[in-house]
Amino acid sequence: MTNKIKFIFNRLKSPSFGGVWGGLVLLCGSAHAQTAIDIENIPNTFKANKWLRVNGNVAASAIYTGGNAASNLRSPFVWNINANVNANILGQINLPFSFNITDVGTQYTHPVAPTRLSLMPTYKWITAYIGDANMTFSPYTLNGHLFRGLGVQVRPNDALQLSVMYGRFQKAVPYDSLNKSLVASYKRMGYGTNVELKKEKYNVGVSFFAAKDEMNSLTNLPDSIPIQPKQNIAASIHGGVKLDNGLELTAEYGTSILTEDLRAANTDEKNIFKDIIPNKTSTHYFHALKAGLNYTYKTSSIGVGYERVDPNYQTLGAYYFVNDVENITINLAQSLFKEKAKLNANLGFQKDDLDGNKASTNKRVVGSVSLNYTPSEKLMLDLSYSNFQTYMNIKPQAIQDTISLQPVDTLNFTQIAQNATANINYTISSNKQYSHVLSLMLSFQDAADKQGGILSRGNGSQFYNAMLSYSYGF
C-alpha cells in the first residue's frame, strides 16, 4: 500500500502534471473536514488497498500566431493548462478538482479572470462548489454564470433538492484611457437559492437570485463612458403535473427587476422586493412565461409549447439572453415498424417586436422532420429535412426615413433555407477483435433571399455534398 501511494504522488509531482500535486494536497487537506464516514467498511477498504484512488486528465496546449500585420491586441505566443482530477477517499468521498491556467490576458485586468481554480467535493447527497464555479437555477434567474465564491447543493432524497450560492460575479476593473479595448467594470456580488421538489406525478420549484454592483469599487470613470452600477433581482417558479390519461403539463414564470443605474433618483413606486432593491428612475420590470402540453399514447407523442419573453428581459446571472420573442412550437414523435424506426417532426413559429416599438418586425417559421431506421444489426439509416424561413417587414416610418435611398418594394425581405441529409452505416463484419464499417453521407442545402417577393440573380445558392468512408476498428 505504501509503495502504491508513493507512486501516485511521485507521478503527480512530475513536470508533465504541472500543478496537480498542489491540488491533490488541497484535496487531502479538505478530506479531514468530512466526519460522516461509513466506519464499518473502512477495514475492508484498507485491506483491498482502495482507501485512495485518483483519476482524471491533464491537458496542455500552446498557440503561436504570426503575420505581417502588427497588432498589440494579440500575443504571439499563448499557453494553457487545464486539468480535471477526482480523488475518492475510502470509497465514500469524491473530491473533484479542476483548474485552468493560462497566460492569456496577463497584461490586462478582466472582469472575469481566464485563470480558474475550482473544487467540488461531494459526500453522499452533499456537493460543494468552492472557488471558480457556475450553477444553474433557471434560464430566467441564474443560468451558468461563472462566480468566485461558495455554493452548496444538497439532495437528501430523490424528491428534494436545495441549492444556495454566494460569490463575486465580476471584479472591479479601473478605466484605462490608454487601452480602449479594455472595458471598465464595477465589482459585482451576488447570491441566490433554488428549491425543487420532484414527485412521480408532479414537480415544483422556486428560484431566487440577486446581484449588486459596489458603487465605490470604481473611481475616476469619465461621465462620457456609459458604464453604470447595476442592481438586479430575479425570481422564477416552475412546475409540472402528469395525469393518468397520458397528459403532461409544464409551466414556468420568471420576473426580473433591473436597476440600470444605482445613482439615479428614487421614486415613490413600490414593489414586493422594496427592502432589497429600491425603485429608481432607471428601474425596469420584465416578465417571461413558458408553458408546454404533451400527450403520450403507447408509442406516440405529440406536444405544443408556448414561450413569451419581454423586450430587454435580462438578469445579471446570465451572460446573454434571447428576449423580445414569442415562440409557438409543435412536436411529434412516433415509433414505426415494431419500434425499429423512430419518426420525429417539429414545427415552430417565432416573432419579435412584441411592444410594437421597433422599426422592423421579424417573423420566422422553422420545420424539421427526421427518421432513424435500424432494419437490422448491420444497417442503420438516418434521414432528416429542415426548412427555415424568416420574413422582415420595414414599417412605414422607417420607409419614409429611407425612401430617398431605397425603393419601397425592396424593404420586405424573405430568407428561405432548406437542408436535407442522409446517413447510411453498414457494418460489414464485427466481432470482439475488429470491426469493418462502411458509411455514406449525402447532404443538400438550398438558400435564397427574396426582396419584394422576387428572387434576384445571385441571391440563391445550392450546395451538394457526398462522402463515402470506410473504417476499421480493433
Protein backbone atom coordinates (compact mmCIF):
# COMPACT_ATOMS: atom_id res chain seq x y z
CA MET A 1 0.00 0.00 0.00
CA THR A 2 2.85 2.39 0.84
CA ASN A 3 4.55 1.83 -2.49
CA LYS A 4 1.33 2.42 -4.37
CA ILE A 5 0.70 5.74 -2.61
CA LYS A 6 4.27 6.84 -3.19
CA PHE A 7 3.97 6.05 -6.88
CA ILE A 8 0.88 8.19 -7.23
CA PHE A 9 2.44 11.22 -5.56
CA ASN A 10 5.68 10.94 -7.48
CA ARG A 11 3.74 10.73 -10.69
CA LEU A 12 1.73 13.83 -9.89
CA LYS A 13 4.89 15.71 -9.00
CA SER A 14 6.40 15.03 -12.40
CA PRO A 15 6.69 18.01 -14.79
CA SER A 16 4.07 16.56 -17.12
CA PHE A 17 1.42 17.01 -14.42
CA GLY A 18 2.26 20.64 -13.67
CA GLY A 19 0.47 21.98 -10.62
CA VAL A 20 -1.75 18.99 -9.95
CA TRP A 21 0.31 17.85 -6.95
CA GLY A 22 -0.53 21.03 -5.07
CA GLY A 23 -4.18 20.49 -5.95
CA LEU A 24 -4.05 16.95 -4.54
CA VAL A 25 -2.59 18.26 -1.29
CA LEU A 26 -5.57 20.59 -1.08
CA LEU A 27 -7.89 17.67 -1.73
CA CYS A 28 -6.34 15.59 1.04
CA GLY A 29 -6.44 18.52 3.42
CA SER A 30 -10.13 19.13 2.80
CA ALA A 31 -10.87 15.45 3.39
CA HIS A 32 -10.18 15.86 7.13
CA ALA A 33 -13.28 18.04 7.41
CA GLN A 34 -15.53 15.11 6.45
CA THR A 35 -16.65 13.24 9.55
CA ALA A 36 -19.71 11.28 8.40
CA ILE A 37 -17.95 8.18 7.03
CA ASP A 38 -19.18 4.61 6.89
CA ILE A 39 -16.98 3.29 9.72
CA GLU A 40 -17.93 -0.36 9.24
CA ASN A 41 -16.49 -0.51 5.70
CA ILE A 42 -13.17 1.20 6.50
CA PRO A 43 -11.27 -2.03 7.45
CA ASN A 44 -12.40 -3.75 4.26
CA THR A 45 -11.45 -0.72 2.22
CA PHE A 46 -7.90 -0.67 3.64
CA LYS A 47 -7.48 -4.41 3.08
CA ALA A 48 -8.40 -4.00 -0.57
CA ASN A 49 -5.94 -1.09 -0.96
CA LYS A 50 -8.79 1.13 -2.12
CA TRP A 51 -8.65 3.89 0.51
CA LEU A 52 -7.40 6.45 -2.04
CA ARG A 53 -8.00 6.43 -5.76
CA VAL A 54 -7.08 9.26 -8.11
CA ASN A 55 -8.16 9.54 -11.73
CA GLY A 56 -8.64 12.29 -14.27
CA ASN A 57 -6.82 14.05 -17.06
CA VAL A 58 -4.40 16.90 -17.63
CA ALA A 59 -4.04 18.75 -20.94
CA ALA A 60 -1.62 21.40 -22.12
CA SER A 61 -1.71 23.43 -25.31
CA ALA A 62 0.18 26.29 -26.90
CA ILE A 63 -0.60 28.54 -29.85
CA TYR A 64 1.84 30.62 -31.87
CA THR A 65 0.47 33.34 -34.15
CA GLY A 66 2.48 35.14 -36.79
CA GLY A 67 1.76 37.55 -39.62
CA ASN A 68 2.80 40.70 -41.40
CA ALA A 69 0.27 42.93 -39.62
CA ALA A 70 1.43 44.10 -36.21
CA SER A 71 -1.24 44.15 -33.53
CA ASN A 72 -0.97 44.83 -29.81
CA LEU A 73 -4.27 43.04 -29.12
CA ARG A 74 -2.97 39.51 -29.63
CA SER A 75 0.03 37.90 -28.02
CA PRO A 76 2.20 35.94 -30.48
CA PHE A 77 2.52 33.00 -28.08
CA VAL A 78 -0.06 31.82 -25.54
CA TRP A 79 -0.26 28.66 -23.47
CA ASN A 80 -2.96 26.92 -21.49
CA ILE A 81 -3.01 24.10 -18.91
CA ASN A 82 -6.22 22.57 -17.64
CA ALA A 83 -7.00 19.54 -15.54
CA ASN A 84 -9.91 17.58 -14.16
CA VAL A 85 -8.89 15.26 -11.31
CA ASN A 86 -11.04 13.28 -8.91
CA ALA A 87 -9.87 11.78 -5.63
CA ASN A 88 -12.01 9.12 -3.98
CA ILE A 89 -11.31 8.54 -0.28
CA LEU A 90 -12.40 5.34 1.44
CA GLY A 91 -14.92 4.77 -1.32
CA GLN A 92 -17.17 7.35 0.38
CA ILE A 93 -15.93 10.83 -0.51
CA ASN A 94 -15.43 12.22 -4.01
CA LEU A 95 -13.29 15.33 -4.39
CA PRO A 96 -13.41 16.58 -7.98
CA PHE A 97 -10.79 19.24 -8.62
CA SER A 98 -10.34 21.26 -11.79
CA PHE A 99 -8.26 24.21 -12.83
CA ASN A 100 -7.45 26.26 -15.91
CA ILE A 101 -4.21 28.22 -16.00
CA THR A 102 -3.28 30.40 -18.95
CA ASP A 103 -1.19 33.44 -19.77
CA VAL A 104 -3.94 34.90 -21.96
CA GLY A 105 -4.58 38.45 -20.87
CA THR A 106 -1.91 38.53 -18.17
CA GLN A 107 -1.07 42.06 -19.24
CA TYR A 108 -4.69 43.13 -18.76
CA THR A 109 -7.26 43.09 -15.98
CA HIS A 110 -10.53 41.36 -16.81
CA PRO A 111 -13.90 41.40 -15.01
CA VAL A 112 -13.75 37.59 -15.06
CA ALA A 113 -10.24 36.14 -14.98
CA PRO A 114 -9.37 33.50 -17.61
CA THR A 115 -7.39 31.60 -14.95
CA ARG A 116 -9.75 29.47 -12.87
CA LEU A 117 -9.45 27.19 -9.89
CA SER A 118 -12.39 25.16 -8.61
CA LEU A 119 -13.03 22.37 -6.13
CA MET A 120 -16.28 20.39 -5.99
CA PRO A 121 -16.15 17.92 -3.09
CA THR A 122 -19.09 15.52 -2.79
CA TYR A 123 -20.13 13.22 0.01
CA LYS A 124 -23.27 11.16 -0.42
CA TRP A 125 -26.01 13.73 -1.15
CA ILE A 126 -23.98 16.89 -0.47
CA THR A 127 -21.99 18.74 -3.14
CA ALA A 128 -19.97 21.90 -2.54
CA TYR A 129 -18.75 24.39 -5.16
CA ILE A 130 -15.60 26.15 -3.99
CA GLY A 131 -13.60 28.70 -5.96
CA ASP A 132 -14.49 29.45 -9.58
CA ALA A 133 -17.78 27.72 -10.18
CA ASN A 134 -21.06 28.04 -12.01
CA MET A 135 -24.55 26.89 -11.10
CA THR A 136 -27.86 26.91 -12.94
CA PHE A 137 -31.18 27.57 -11.22
CA SER A 138 -33.42 28.73 -14.07
CA PRO A 139 -32.98 30.28 -17.54
CA TYR A 140 -34.72 33.37 -16.15
CA THR A 141 -32.61 33.85 -12.98
CA LEU A 142 -29.17 32.26 -12.57
CA ASN A 143 -28.06 30.44 -15.69
CA GLY A 144 -24.47 29.20 -15.73
CA HIS A 145 -22.73 32.49 -14.93
CA LEU A 146 -19.23 31.99 -13.51
CA PHE A 147 -18.66 33.29 -9.98
CA ARG A 148 -15.88 33.09 -7.42
CA GLY A 149 -17.23 32.04 -4.07
CA LEU A 150 -19.09 29.18 -2.44
CA GLY A 151 -22.11 27.10 -3.39
CA VAL A 152 -23.78 24.09 -1.80
CA GLN A 153 -26.25 21.63 -3.27
CA VAL A 154 -27.98 19.07 -1.05
CA ARG A 155 -30.25 16.25 -2.15
CA PRO A 156 -31.26 14.25 0.95
CA ASN A 157 -33.62 12.11 -1.15
CA ASP A 158 -34.78 11.68 -4.74
CA ALA A 159 -37.59 14.19 -4.25
CA LEU A 160 -35.99 17.24 -2.62
CA GLN A 161 -33.08 19.37 -3.82
CA LEU A 162 -31.81 22.61 -2.28
CA SER A 163 -29.08 24.86 -3.70
CA VAL A 164 -27.54 28.07 -2.37
CA MET A 165 -24.64 30.21 -3.57
CA TYR A 166 -22.77 33.43 -2.82
CA GLY A 167 -19.85 34.96 -4.64
CA ARG A 168 -18.28 37.60 -6.85
CA PHE A 169 -19.56 37.71 -10.42
CA GLN A 170 -17.07 40.26 -11.68
CA LYS A 171 -14.24 42.19 -10.14
CA ALA A 172 -13.61 45.90 -10.40
CA VAL A 173 -11.62 46.93 -13.47
CA PRO A 174 -10.38 50.53 -13.47
CA TYR A 175 -10.74 52.72 -16.53
CA ASP A 176 -7.63 52.79 -18.70
CA SER A 177 -7.56 55.57 -21.27
CA LEU A 178 -4.53 54.00 -22.98
CA ASN A 179 -6.29 50.69 -23.61
CA LYS A 180 -9.57 51.26 -25.44
CA SER A 181 -10.22 47.52 -25.82
CA LEU A 182 -10.45 47.06 -22.06
CA VAL A 183 -13.92 47.64 -20.64
CA ALA A 184 -14.08 49.07 -17.13
CA SER A 185 -16.45 47.39 -14.67
CA TYR A 186 -17.73 47.60 -11.11
CA LYS A 187 -17.24 44.85 -8.57
CA ARG A 188 -20.40 42.74 -8.59
CA MET A 189 -21.51 40.43 -5.77
CA GLY A 190 -24.46 38.08 -5.92
CA TYR A 191 -26.32 35.36 -4.08
CA GLY A 192 -29.18 33.00 -4.81
CA THR A 193 -31.11 29.93 -3.83
CA ASN A 194 -33.11 27.25 -5.59
CA VAL A 195 -35.55 24.69 -4.15
CA GLU A 196 -37.05 21.82 -6.14
CA LEU A 197 -39.48 19.08 -5.19
CA LYS A 198 -39.92 16.22 -7.66
CA LYS A 199 -42.51 13.50 -7.27
CA GLU A 200 -43.69 10.84 -9.68
CA LYS A 201 -46.84 12.73 -10.61
CA TYR A 202 -45.78 16.33 -10.12
CA ASN A 203 -42.85 18.69 -9.56
CA VAL A 204 -42.47 22.27 -8.37
CA GLY A 205 -39.53 24.59 -7.97
CA VAL A 206 -38.71 28.14 -6.90
CA SER A 207 -35.50 30.07 -7.57
CA PHE A 208 -34.28 33.49 -6.45
CA PHE A 209 -31.20 35.47 -7.47
CA ALA A 210 -29.88 38.91 -6.53
CA ALA A 211 -26.77 40.82 -7.61
CA LYS A 212 -25.49 44.32 -6.96
CA ASP A 213 -22.53 46.41 -8.08
CA GLU A 214 -20.45 48.16 -5.43
CA MET A 215 -20.58 51.85 -6.32
CA ASN A 216 -17.33 52.74 -4.55
CA SER A 217 -15.37 49.96 -6.29
CA LEU A 218 -14.77 52.07 -9.40
CA THR A 219 -13.46 55.62 -9.32
CA ASN A 220 -12.18 58.14 -11.86
CA LEU A 221 -14.64 56.99 -14.51
CA PRO A 222 -15.37 59.72 -17.10
CA ASP A 223 -19.03 60.70 -17.48
CA SER A 224 -18.76 60.05 -21.22
CA ILE A 225 -18.23 56.31 -20.58
CA PRO A 226 -21.67 54.60 -20.46
CA ILE A 227 -20.91 52.23 -17.58
CA GLN A 228 -23.31 52.38 -14.65
CA PRO A 229 -23.51 50.43 -11.40
CA LYS A 230 -26.40 47.96 -11.65
CA GLN A 231 -28.62 46.01 -9.31
CA ASN A 232 -30.87 43.10 -10.15
CA ILE A 233 -33.35 40.74 -8.53
CA ALA A 234 -34.80 37.81 -10.47
CA ALA A 235 -37.20 35.11 -9.37
CA SER A 236 -38.98 32.24 -11.05
CA ILE A 237 -41.44 29.48 -10.24
CA HIS A 238 -41.95 26.37 -12.31
CA GLY A 239 -43.94 23.19 -12.04
CA GLY A 240 -45.38 20.24 -13.87
CA VAL A 241 -48.03 17.60 -13.45
CA LYS A 242 -48.57 14.18 -15.07
CA LEU A 243 -52.11 12.88 -15.44
CA ASP A 244 -53.14 9.25 -15.71
CA ASN A 245 -54.54 9.71 -19.22
CA GLY A 246 -51.09 10.46 -20.69
CA LEU A 247 -51.26 14.25 -20.45
CA GLU A 248 -48.33 16.20 -19.04
CA LEU A 249 -48.41 19.94 -18.33
CA THR A 250 -45.37 22.11 -17.55
CA ALA A 251 -45.13 25.83 -16.92
CA GLU A 252 -42.60 28.41 -15.70
CA TYR A 253 -42.94 32.09 -14.90
CA GLY A 254 -39.97 34.39 -14.39
CA THR A 255 -39.63 38.04 -13.45
CA SER A 256 -36.64 40.35 -13.26
CA ILE A 257 -36.28 43.79 -11.66
CA LEU A 258 -33.22 45.57 -13.05
CA THR A 259 -31.89 48.95 -12.00
CA GLU A 260 -29.66 50.22 -14.80
CA ASP A 261 -28.04 52.96 -12.71
CA LEU A 262 -27.90 52.93 -8.91
CA ARG A 263 -27.02 56.62 -8.96
CA ALA A 264 -30.45 57.53 -10.37
CA ALA A 265 -33.08 59.26 -8.24
CA ASN A 266 -35.57 57.27 -6.16
CA THR A 267 -39.27 57.07 -6.99
CA ASP A 268 -42.35 56.53 -4.83
CA GLU A 269 -43.39 53.36 -6.70
CA LYS A 270 -43.37 50.23 -4.52
CA ASN A 271 -42.52 46.62 -5.32
CA ILE A 272 -42.62 43.37 -3.37
CA PHE A 273 -38.81 43.42 -3.07
CA LYS A 274 -38.63 47.05 -1.90
CA ASP A 275 -36.47 46.09 1.10
CA ILE A 276 -33.83 44.61 -1.22
CA ILE A 277 -33.96 46.76 -4.34
CA PRO A 278 -35.46 50.27 -4.14
CA ASN A 279 -37.28 51.77 -7.10
CA LYS A 280 -35.36 54.33 -9.12
CA THR A 281 -35.98 56.16 -12.35
CA SER A 282 -33.74 53.59 -14.09
CA THR A 283 -35.56 50.55 -12.65
CA HIS A 284 -37.33 48.30 -15.15
CA TYR A 285 -39.61 45.27 -14.73
CA PHE A 286 -39.54 42.28 -17.06
CA HIS A 287 -41.60 39.11 -17.31
CA ALA A 288 -41.23 35.75 -19.05
CA LEU A 289 -43.62 32.84 -19.45
CA LYS A 290 -43.10 29.34 -20.79
CA ALA A 291 -45.68 26.53 -20.91
CA GLY A 292 -45.99 23.16 -22.58
CA LEU A 293 -48.59 20.42 -23.02
CA ASN A 294 -47.61 16.91 -24.06
CA TYR A 295 -49.76 13.85 -24.72
CA THR A 296 -48.38 10.31 -24.88
CA TYR A 297 -50.28 7.25 -26.06
CA LYS A 298 -48.42 3.94 -26.39
CA THR A 299 -45.56 4.70 -28.83
CA SER A 300 -46.90 8.08 -29.95
CA SER A 301 -46.29 11.51 -28.50
CA ILE A 302 -47.49 14.98 -29.51
CA GLY A 303 -46.86 18.26 -27.76
CA VAL A 304 -47.28 22.02 -28.04
CA GLY A 305 -45.26 24.75 -26.38
CA TYR A 306 -45.50 28.48 -25.86
CA GLU A 307 -42.91 31.00 -24.67
CA ARG A 308 -43.01 34.75 -24.33
CA VAL A 309 -40.11 36.89 -23.13
CA ASP A 310 -40.49 40.64 -22.65
CA PRO A 311 -38.33 43.02 -24.68
CA ASN A 312 -34.97 43.69 -22.98
CA TYR A 313 -35.51 40.93 -20.39
CA GLN A 314 -32.16 40.23 -18.75
CA THR A 315 -30.63 39.13 -15.49
CA LEU A 316 -27.14 39.65 -14.11
CA GLY A 317 -26.96 35.88 -13.60
CA ALA A 318 -26.68 35.10 -17.31
CA TYR A 319 -24.16 36.16 -19.93
CA TYR A 320 -26.71 36.72 -22.67
CA PHE A 321 -30.45 36.42 -23.10
CA VAL A 322 -32.82 36.00 -26.04
CA ASN A 323 -35.64 38.46 -25.39
CA ASP A 324 -38.45 40.22 -27.22
CA VAL A 325 -39.64 36.93 -28.70
CA GLU A 326 -42.80 34.88 -28.80
CA ASN A 327 -42.44 31.21 -29.72
CA ILE A 328 -45.04 28.59 -30.56
CA THR A 329 -43.79 25.04 -31.12
CA ILE A 330 -45.40 21.76 -32.13
CA ASN A 331 -43.61 18.42 -31.90
CA LEU A 332 -44.50 14.85 -32.84
CA ALA A 333 -42.74 11.55 -32.09
CA GLN A 334 -43.83 8.16 -33.43
CA SER A 335 -42.32 4.67 -33.38
CA LEU A 336 -42.78 2.54 -36.51
CA PHE A 337 -42.07 -0.98 -37.73
CA LYS A 338 -42.13 -2.60 -34.30
CA GLU A 339 -40.01 0.23 -32.85
CA LYS A 340 -37.23 -0.29 -35.38
CA ALA A 341 -37.88 3.20 -36.72
CA LYS A 342 -38.42 6.49 -34.89
CA LEU A 343 -40.02 9.49 -36.57
CA ASN A 344 -39.70 13.00 -35.12
CA ALA A 345 -41.27 16.15 -36.52
CA ASN A 346 -41.12 19.72 -35.24
CA LEU A 347 -42.71 22.97 -36.31
CA GLY A 348 -42.06 26.37 -34.79
CA PHE A 349 -43.26 29.95 -35.20
CA GLN A 350 -41.41 32.96 -33.82
CA LYS A 351 -41.90 36.70 -33.94
CA ASP A 352 -40.41 39.74 -32.22
CA ASP A 353 -41.38 43.41 -31.71
CA LEU A 354 -43.87 42.44 -29.01
CA ASP A 355 -44.37 46.05 -27.92
CA GLY A 356 -44.56 47.41 -31.47
CA ASN A 357 -41.73 49.87 -30.87
CA LYS A 358 -39.15 48.56 -33.35
CA ALA A 359 -38.64 49.96 -36.81
CA SER A 360 -38.89 46.46 -38.29
CA THR A 361 -40.62 43.18 -37.48
CA ASN A 362 -39.19 39.68 -37.94
CA LYS A 363 -41.24 36.51 -38.29
CA ARG A 364 -39.71 33.06 -38.57
CA VAL A 365 -41.05 29.62 -39.42
CA VAL A 366 -38.94 26.54 -38.77
CA GLY A 367 -39.89 22.97 -39.61
CA SER A 368 -37.93 19.74 -39.40
CA VAL A 369 -38.52 16.02 -39.72
CA SER A 370 -36.13 13.14 -39.03
CA LEU A 371 -36.29 9.38 -39.35
CA ASN A 372 -33.99 6.89 -37.65
CA TYR A 373 -34.39 3.37 -39.02
CA THR A 374 -32.47 0.27 -37.97
CA PRO A 375 -33.82 -2.64 -40.01
CA SER A 376 -31.04 -4.98 -38.85
CA GLU A 377 -27.99 -5.07 -36.61
CA LYS A 378 -25.79 -4.28 -39.60
CA LEU A 379 -27.72 -1.47 -41.29
CA MET A 380 -28.69 1.93 -39.84
CA LEU A 381 -30.24 4.87 -41.69
CA ASP A 382 -30.68 8.48 -40.55
CA LEU A 383 -32.73 10.83 -42.72
CA SER A 384 -33.53 14.44 -41.88
CA TYR A 385 -35.01 17.52 -43.52
CA SER A 386 -35.40 21.06 -42.22
CA ASN A 387 -36.82 24.27 -43.60
CA PHE A 388 -36.16 27.75 -42.25
CA GLN A 389 -37.93 30.88 -43.39
CA THR A 390 -37.67 34.39 -41.98
CA TYR A 391 -39.62 37.43 -43.05
CA MET A 392 -38.67 41.05 -42.27
CA ASN A 393 -41.05 43.94 -42.70
CA ILE A 394 -39.83 47.54 -42.53
CA LYS A 395 -42.52 49.75 -41.01
CA PRO A 396 -43.85 52.83 -42.86
CA GLN A 397 -42.00 55.27 -40.60
CA ALA A 398 -38.69 53.59 -41.42
CA ILE A 399 -39.65 53.53 -45.10
CA GLN A 400 -40.30 57.25 -45.01
CA ASP A 401 -36.90 57.85 -43.45
CA THR A 402 -35.07 55.87 -46.14
CA ILE A 403 -37.29 56.33 -49.20
CA SER A 404 -34.82 58.69 -50.79
CA LEU A 405 -32.19 55.94 -50.73
CA GLN A 406 -34.19 52.76 -51.48
CA PRO A 407 -37.33 51.83 -53.41
CA VAL A 408 -40.21 50.86 -51.16
CA ASP A 409 -40.62 47.36 -52.64
CA THR A 410 -37.10 46.33 -51.53
CA LEU A 411 -37.84 46.86 -47.85
CA ASN A 412 -39.58 43.49 -47.37
CA PHE A 413 -37.08 40.66 -47.11
CA THR A 414 -37.67 36.92 -47.07
CA GLN A 415 -34.93 34.36 -46.42
CA ILE A 416 -35.52 30.70 -47.17
CA ALA A 417 -33.15 27.86 -46.34
CA GLN A 418 -33.75 24.14 -46.53
CA ASN A 419 -31.44 21.27 -45.66
CA ALA A 420 -31.64 17.54 -46.30
CA THR A 421 -29.18 14.92 -45.07
CA ALA A 422 -28.91 11.14 -45.28
CA ASN A 423 -26.50 8.97 -43.31
CA ILE A 424 -26.22 5.25 -44.06
CA ASN A 425 -23.99 2.99 -41.96
CA TYR A 426 -23.43 -0.65 -42.85
CA THR A 427 -21.37 -2.97 -40.66
CA ILE A 428 -19.62 -5.41 -42.96
CA SER A 429 -18.40 -7.59 -40.11
CA SER A 430 -17.80 -7.21 -36.41
CA ASN A 431 -16.57 -9.32 -33.51
CA LYS A 432 -14.67 -8.85 -30.24
CA GLN A 433 -11.39 -8.24 -32.08
CA TYR A 434 -12.23 -5.96 -35.01
CA SER A 435 -15.00 -4.27 -36.98
CA HIS A 436 -15.45 -3.13 -40.60
CA VAL A 437 -17.95 -0.32 -41.21
CA LEU A 438 -18.94 1.37 -44.47
CA SER A 439 -20.61 4.81 -44.27
CA LEU A 440 -22.28 7.04 -46.84
CA MET A 441 -23.28 10.64 -46.13
CA LEU A 442 -25.31 12.81 -48.52
CA SER A 443 -26.39 16.39 -47.88
CA PHE A 444 -28.15 19.14 -49.77
CA GLN A 445 -28.66 22.81 -48.89
CA ASP A 446 -30.71 25.39 -50.71
CA ALA A 447 -30.70 29.04 -49.63
CA ALA A 448 -32.33 32.08 -51.20
CA ASP A 449 -33.00 35.75 -50.40
CA LYS A 450 -36.13 37.35 -51.79
CA GLN A 451 -36.69 41.11 -51.92
CA GLY A 452 -40.23 42.24 -52.57
CA GLY A 453 -41.20 38.65 -53.41
CA ILE A 454 -38.62 38.45 -56.23
CA LEU A 455 -35.57 36.19 -56.26
CA SER A 456 -32.83 38.19 -57.96
CA ARG A 457 -29.92 36.64 -59.75
CA GLY A 458 -27.07 35.90 -57.36
CA ASN A 459 -29.31 35.76 -54.29
CA GLY A 460 -29.67 31.97 -54.33
CA SER A 461 -27.23 29.14 -53.73
CA GLN A 462 -27.26 25.35 -53.68
CA PHE A 463 -24.70 23.03 -52.10
CA TYR A 464 -24.32 19.30 -52.65
CA ASN A 465 -22.02 17.18 -50.55
CA ALA A 466 -21.29 13.45 -50.58
CA MET A 467 -18.82 11.44 -48.54
CA LEU A 468 -18.06 7.73 -48.58
CA SER A 469 -15.90 6.33 -45.79
CA TYR A 470 -14.60 3.01 -44.59
CA SER A 471 -13.45 2.44 -41.02
CA TYR A 472 -11.57 -0.43 -39.49
CA GLY A 473 -11.61 -0.72 -35.70
CA PHE A 474 -9.70 -3.12 -33.50
